[in-house]
Amino acid sequence: MQAGSPTTSPSAVERDITEHIIAAKIRLRFDKSALRLVGGLKTALAEAIPEGHAVIFTVTAPVLRRAKTAAALEALVRAGLPTDEVRNTIEDNDVRLRLVADVRAHMPKVLGFVHNPDSDAALILALAVSQLLARK
């Protein structure tokens, strides 16, 4: 397959990963605030992530102070990529962040998920990492 084909494009990969998470009965949020948070961070951080790596983050909903949450998450990544999972509370939202190594070049560099407070963020990260690394 070619890198530009729909089955290997970053957006197709992200949709597939999202579908796996939803199939695991995890409730993700796709409201305007959640989509803007994730989209803005993907754009802001893409060049900060080295080749062969990806950053996956989760944020609990509701995201009431999106701009401040995004700025704090961006600063956290730019201050130095984590070697382990980072857990933090930013603007009253529980945040988890994980760096993934050995990621293929055509994979997305930044993946973000906004979820309900009762959802298991560790499971979201585990599913996203396994799907990201399983793609060859």
C-alpha atoms as a PDB file:
ATOM      1  CA  MET A   1       0.000   0.000   0.000  1.00  0.00           C
ATOM      2  CA  GLN A   2       1.083   3.524  -0.627  1.00  0.00           C
ATOM      3  CA  ALA A   3       1.522   5.943   2.250  1.00  0.00           C
ATOM      4  CA  GLY A   4      -1.128   8.230   0.827  1.00  0.00           C
ATOM      5  CA  SER A   5      -3.815   5.599   0.421  1.00  0.00           C
ATOM      6  CA  PRO A   6      -6.960   6.015   2.529  1.00  0.00           C
ATOM      7  CA  THR A   7      -6.281   2.889   4.589  1.00  0.00           C
ATOM      8  CA  THR A   8      -2.954   4.199   5.848  1.00  0.00           C
ATOM      9  CA  SER A   9      -3.602   7.926   6.065  1.00  0.00           C
ATOM     10  CA  PRO A  10      -3.373   9.427   9.547  1.00  0.00           C
ATOM     11  CA  SER A  11      -7.071  10.268   9.554  1.00  0.00           C
ATOM     12  CA  ALA A  12      -8.016   6.666   8.685  1.00  0.00           C
ATOM     13  CA  VAL A  13      -5.698   5.381  11.411  1.00  0.00           C
ATOM     14  CA  GLU A  14      -7.222   7.773  13.944  1.00  0.00           C
ATOM     15  CA  ARG A  15     -10.739   6.694  12.978  1.00  0.00           C
ATOM     16  CA  ASP A  16      -9.783   3.021  13.355  1.00  0.00           C
ATOM     17  CA  ILE A  17      -8.235   3.621  16.784  1.00  0.00           C
ATOM     18  CA  THR A  18     -11.301   5.603  17.874  1.00  0.00           C
ATOM     19  CA  GLU A  19     -13.574   2.782  16.692  1.00  0.00           C
ATOM     20  CA  HIS A  20     -11.586   0.254  18.771  1.00  0.00           C
ATOM     21  CA  ILE A  21     -11.924   2.438  21.848  1.00  0.00           C
ATOM     22  CA  ILE A  22     -15.670   2.882  21.317  1.00  0.00           C
ATOM     23  CA  ALA A  23     -16.053  -0.886  20.713  1.00  0.00           C
ATOM     24  CA  ALA A  24     -14.557  -1.385  24.194  1.00  0.00           C
ATOM     25  CA  LYS A  25     -17.594   0.522  25.552  1.00  0.00           C
ATOM     26  CA  ILE A  26     -15.567   3.600  26.432  1.00  0.00           C
ATOM     27  CA  ARG A  27     -17.474   6.825  26.004  1.00  0.00           C
ATOM     28  CA  LEU A  28     -15.486   9.444  24.160  1.00  0.00           C
ATOM     29  CA  ARG A  29     -16.613  13.030  23.702  1.00  0.00           C
ATOM     30  CA  PHE A  30     -16.945  14.694  20.303  1.00  0.00           C
ATOM     31  CA  ASP A  31     -18.532  18.011  21.248  1.00  0.00           C
ATOM     32  CA  LYS A  32     -17.180  21.255  19.808  1.00  0.00           C
ATOM     33  CA  SER A  33     -14.909  21.973  22.783  1.00  0.00           C
ATOM     34  CA  ALA A  34     -13.389  18.473  22.727  1.00  0.00           C
ATOM     35  CA  LEU A  35     -12.771  18.566  18.978  1.00  0.00           C
ATOM     36  CA  ARG A  36     -11.162  22.006  19.171  1.00  0.00           C
ATOM     37  CA  LEU A  37      -8.908  20.953  22.047  1.00  0.00           C
ATOM     38  CA  VAL A  38      -7.670  17.826  20.275  1.00  0.00           C
ATOM     39  CA  GLY A  39      -7.377  19.491  16.858  1.00  0.00           C
ATOM     40  CA  GLY A  40      -5.498  22.481  18.220  1.00  0.00           C
ATOM     41  CA  LEU A  41      -3.022  20.322  20.117  1.00  0.00           C
ATOM     42  CA  LYS A  42      -2.442  18.070  17.108  1.00  0.00           C
ATOM     43  CA  THR A  43      -1.530  21.122  15.038  1.00  0.00           C
ATOM     44  CA  ALA A  44       0.550  22.796  17.753  1.00  0.00           C
ATOM     45  CA  LEU A  45       2.570  19.716  18.718  1.00  0.00           C
ATOM     46  CA  ALA A  46       3.114  17.849  15.452  1.00  0.00           C
ATOM     47  CA  GLU A  47       6.511  19.446  14.790  1.00  0.00           C
ATOM     48  CA  ALA A  48       7.615  18.985  18.420  1.00  0.00           C
ATOM     49  CA  ILE A  49       7.397  15.191  18.266  1.00  0.00           C
ATOM     50  CA  PRO A  50      10.469  13.470  16.807  1.00  0.00           C
ATOM     51  CA  GLU A  51      10.197  11.047  13.895  1.00  0.00           C
ATOM     52  CA  GLY A  52       9.321   7.537  14.980  1.00  0.00           C
ATOM     53  CA  HIS A  53       7.397   8.748  18.033  1.00  0.00           C
ATOM     54  CA  ALA A  54       3.859   9.716  18.922  1.00  0.00           C
ATOM     55  CA  VAL A  55       2.213  11.341  21.910  1.00  0.00           C
ATOM     56  CA  ILE A  56      -1.179  10.132  23.103  1.00  0.00           C
ATOM     57  CA  PHE A  57      -3.157  12.123  25.639  1.00  0.00           C
ATOM     58  CA  THR A  58      -6.493  11.831  27.407  1.00  0.00           C
ATOM     59  CA  VAL A  59      -8.512  14.581  29.078  1.00  0.00           C
ATOM     60  CA  THR A  60     -11.654  14.165  31.168  1.00  0.00           C
ATOM     61  CA  ALA A  61     -14.739  16.076  30.133  1.00  0.00           C
ATOM     62  CA  PRO A  62     -16.154  18.598  30.411  1.00  0.00           C
ATOM     63  CA  VAL A  63     -13.345  20.847  29.215  1.00  0.00           C
ATOM     64  CA  LEU A  64     -14.471  24.210  30.535  1.00  0.00           C
ATOM     65  CA  ARG A  65     -11.259  26.182  30.022  1.00  0.00           C
ATOM     66  CA  ARG A  66     -10.119  24.759  26.709  1.00  0.00           C
ATOM     67  CA  ALA A  67      -7.469  27.383  25.868  1.00  0.00           C
ATOM     68  CA  LYS A  68      -5.793  27.144  29.274  1.00  0.00           C
ATOM     69  CA  THR A  69      -5.941  23.340  29.219  1.00  0.00           C
ATOM     70  CA  ALA A  70      -4.413  23.260  25.728  1.00  0.00           C
ATOM     71  CA  ALA A  71      -1.659  25.717  26.680  1.00  0.00           C
ATOM     72  CA  ALA A  72      -0.751  23.695  29.772  1.00  0.00           C
ATOM     73  CA  LEU A  73      -0.694  20.410  27.830  1.00  0.00           C
ATOM     74  CA  GLU A  74       1.424  21.969  25.096  1.00  0.00           C
ATOM     75  CA  ALA A  75       3.862  23.362  27.675  1.00  0.00           C
ATOM     76  CA  LEU A  76       4.073  19.950  29.337  1.00  0.00           C
ATOM     77  CA  VAL A  77       5.074  18.266  26.070  1.00  0.00           C
ATOM     78  CA  ARG A  78       7.455  21.010  24.981  1.00  0.00           C
ATOM     79  CA  ALA A  79       9.197  20.999  28.378  1.00  0.00           C
ATOM     80  CA  GLY A  80      10.446  17.502  27.632  1.00  0.00           C
ATOM     81  CA  LEU A  81       8.812  14.401  26.324  1.00  0.00           C
ATOM     82  CA  PRO A  82       7.905  11.959  29.070  1.00  0.00           C
ATOM     83  CA  THR A  83       9.580   8.577  29.338  1.00  0.00           C
ATOM     84  CA  ASP A  84       6.681   7.172  31.344  1.00  0.00           C
ATOM     85  CA  GLU A  85       3.019   7.999  31.534  1.00  0.00           C
ATOM     86  CA  VAL A  86       2.363  11.443  32.965  1.00  0.00           C
ATOM     87  CA  ARG A  87      -0.739  11.969  35.113  1.00  0.00           C
ATOM     88  CA  ASN A  88      -1.775  15.466  36.028  1.00  0.00           C
ATOM     89  CA  THR A  89      -4.739  17.681  36.803  1.00  0.00           C
ATOM     90  CA  ILE A  90      -5.027  20.686  34.522  1.00  0.00           C
ATOM     91  CA  GLU A  91      -7.871  23.177  34.959  1.00  0.00           C
ATOM     92  CA  ASP A  92      -9.867  20.588  36.934  1.00  0.00           C
ATOM     93  CA  ASN A  93      -9.463  17.961  34.205  1.00  0.00           C
ATOM     94  CA  ASP A  94      -7.590  14.708  34.751  1.00  0.00           C
ATOM     95  CA  VAL A  95      -4.955  14.416  32.054  1.00  0.00           C
ATOM     96  CA  ARG A  96      -2.780  11.482  31.024  1.00  0.00           C
ATOM     97  CA  LEU A  97       0.023  11.675  28.512  1.00  0.00           C
ATOM     98  CA  ARG A  98       2.146   8.892  27.059  1.00  0.00           C
ATOM     99  CA  LEU A  99       5.047   8.918  24.598  1.00  0.00           C
ATOM    100  CA  VAL A 100       5.125   5.984  22.193  1.00  0.00           C
ATOM    101  CA  ALA A 101       8.369   4.989  20.424  1.00  0.00           C
ATOM    102  CA  ASP A 102       8.904   2.876  17.299  1.00  0.00           C
ATOM    103  CA  VAL A 103       5.935   4.361  15.465  1.00  0.00           C
ATOM    104  CA  ARG A 104       5.846   4.111  11.676  1.00  0.00           C
ATOM    105  CA  ALA A 105       6.414   7.336   9.740  1.00  0.00           C
ATOM    106  CA  HIS A 106       2.890   7.423   8.264  1.00  0.00           C
ATOM    107  CA  MET A 107       1.219   7.250  11.684  1.00  0.00           C
ATOM    108  CA  PRO A 108      -0.164  10.337  13.423  1.00  0.00           C
ATOM    109  CA  LYS A 109       2.280  12.007  15.815  1.00  0.00           C
ATOM    110  CA  VAL A 110      -0.370  13.305  18.193  1.00  0.00           C
ATOM    111  CA  LEU A 111      -3.529  11.478  19.269  1.00  0.00           C
ATOM    112  CA  GLY A 112      -5.933  12.929  21.783  1.00  0.00           C
ATOM    113  CA  PHE A 113      -9.101  11.670  23.406  1.00  0.00           C
ATOM    114  CA  VAL A 114     -11.612  13.516  25.554  1.00  0.00           C
ATOM    115  CA  HIS A 115     -13.671  11.126  27.650  1.00  0.00           C
ATOM    116  CA  ASN A 116     -16.307  11.032  30.342  1.00  0.00           C
ATOM    117  CA  PRO A 117     -15.023  11.013  33.947  1.00  0.00           C
ATOM    118  CA  ASP A 118     -16.212   7.434  34.498  1.00  0.00           C
ATOM    119  CA  SER A 119     -14.175   6.127  31.538  1.00  0.00           C
ATOM    120  CA  ASP A 120     -10.880   4.329  32.128  1.00  0.00           C
ATOM    121  CA  ALA A 121      -8.120   6.595  30.766  1.00  0.00           C
ATOM    122  CA  ALA A 122      -5.507   3.854  31.227  1.00  0.00           C
ATOM    123  CA  LEU A 123      -7.533   1.562  28.979  1.00  0.00           C
ATOM    124  CA  ILE A 124      -7.910   4.302  26.374  1.00  0.00           C
ATOM    125  CA  LEU A 125      -4.133   4.749  26.308  1.00  0.00           C
ATOM    126  CA  ALA A 126      -3.485   1.002  26.190  1.00  0.00           C
ATOM    127  CA  LEU A 127      -5.899   0.482  23.296  1.00  0.00           C
ATOM    128  CA  ALA A 128      -4.512   3.456  21.370  1.00  0.00           C
ATOM    129  CA  VAL A 129      -0.909   2.332  21.859  1.00  0.00           C
ATOM    130  CA  SER A 130      -1.647  -1.251  20.815  1.00  0.00           C
ATOM    131  CA  GLN A 131      -3.496  -0.129  17.686  1.00  0.00           C
ATOM    132  CA  LEU A 132      -0.819   2.415  16.804  1.00  0.00           C
ATOM    133  CA  LEU A 133       2.008  -0.120  17.103  1.00  0.00           C
ATOM    134  CA  ALA A 134       0.086  -2.944  15.422  1.00  0.00           C
ATOM    135  CA  ARG A 135      -0.085  -1.050  12.132  1.00  0.00           C
ATOM    136  CA  LYS A 136       2.739  -1.843   9.786  1.00  0.00           C
END
